């Protein structure tokens, strides 16, 4: 689901597995912006990096759903 802005501290659910991920860092590289996500409750697993999809005034993490827009948190 698109949101106005992807921010550090937001929790997103992975569409395939339903696992929750916390955004720990956002950074720009060349012409793209990336979010670093870490699985909630599992700080020992390596973080993943996802390119933020920006369309007009909305942003999206492909393959993830913002938790406040889903029915279950």
Protein backbone atom coordinates (compact mmCIF):
# COMPACT_ATOMS: atom_id res chain seq x y z
CA UNK A 1 0.00 0.00 0.00
CA UNK A 2 1.34 3.45 -0.82
CA UNK A 3 1.89 6.02 1.92
CA UNK A 4 2.86 9.67 1.72
CA UNK A 5 6.31 9.08 3.21
CA UNK A 6 8.34 6.05 4.26
CA UNK A 7 9.98 6.85 7.61
CA UNK A 8 12.33 5.28 10.14
CA UNK A 9 10.34 3.51 12.85
CA UNK A 10 7.47 2.39 10.64
CA UNK A 11 6.54 -1.30 10.64
CA UNK A 12 5.75 -3.03 7.34
CA UNK A 13 4.53 -6.61 6.74
CA UNK A 14 6.08 -8.76 4.04
CA UNK A 15 3.31 -9.79 1.62
CA UNK A 16 4.46 -13.39 1.10
CA UNK A 17 5.32 -14.44 4.65
CA UNK A 18 3.30 -12.01 6.78
CA UNK A 19 6.38 -11.25 8.90
CA UNK A 20 6.79 -7.75 10.32
CA UNK A 21 9.82 -5.59 9.54
CA UNK A 22 10.95 -2.35 11.17
CA UNK A 23 12.52 0.40 9.06
CA UNK A 24 15.86 1.23 10.70
CA UNK A 25 17.45 3.49 8.09
CA UNK A 26 16.62 5.40 4.91
CA UNK A 27 19.31 6.61 2.54
CA UNK A 28 19.80 7.84 -1.01
CA UNK A 29 22.16 6.27 -3.50
CA UNK A 30 22.54 7.91 -6.91
CA UNK A 31 18.96 8.58 -8.05
CA UNK A 32 17.21 6.02 -5.83
CA UNK A 33 16.15 5.94 -2.17
CA UNK A 34 16.48 2.75 -0.14
CA UNK A 35 15.03 1.55 3.17
CA UNK A 36 16.88 -0.84 5.47
CA UNK A 37 14.50 -3.21 7.22
CA UNK A 38 15.09 -5.58 10.12
CA UNK A 39 12.71 -8.39 11.09
CA UNK A 40 10.94 -7.51 14.35
CA UNK A 41 11.87 -9.73 17.26
CA UNK A 42 14.95 -11.10 15.51
CA UNK A 43 17.81 -8.64 15.83
CA UNK A 44 20.42 -11.31 14.98
CA UNK A 45 19.22 -11.79 11.39
CA UNK A 46 20.83 -9.58 8.75
CA UNK A 47 18.83 -6.54 7.60
CA UNK A 48 17.38 -6.33 4.11
CA UNK A 49 17.54 -3.40 1.70
CA UNK A 50 14.49 -2.41 -0.38
CA UNK A 51 14.27 0.31 -3.03
CA UNK A 52 11.48 2.77 -2.25
CA UNK A 53 9.09 3.18 -5.16
CA UNK A 54 8.07 6.85 -5.51
CA UNK A 55 5.06 7.82 -7.62
CA UNK A 56 3.89 11.39 -7.38
CA UNK A 57 2.97 12.13 -3.76
CA UNK A 58 3.01 8.48 -2.62
CA UNK A 59 5.76 6.06 -1.67
CA UNK A 60 5.70 2.26 -1.52
CA UNK A 61 7.94 -0.66 -0.57
CA UNK A 62 7.38 -3.32 -3.26
CA UNK A 63 6.42 -6.66 -1.65
CA UNK A 64 5.43 -5.03 1.65
CA UNK A 65 2.25 -3.57 3.17
CA UNK A 66 2.23 -0.74 5.70
CA UNK A 67 0.84 -2.29 8.90
CA UNK A 68 -1.49 0.56 9.79
CA UNK A 69 -3.30 -0.04 6.50
CA UNK A 70 -3.79 -3.77 7.07
CA UNK A 71 -6.45 -5.32 9.29
CA UNK A 72 -4.01 -7.16 11.59
CA UNK A 73 -1.01 -5.60 13.27
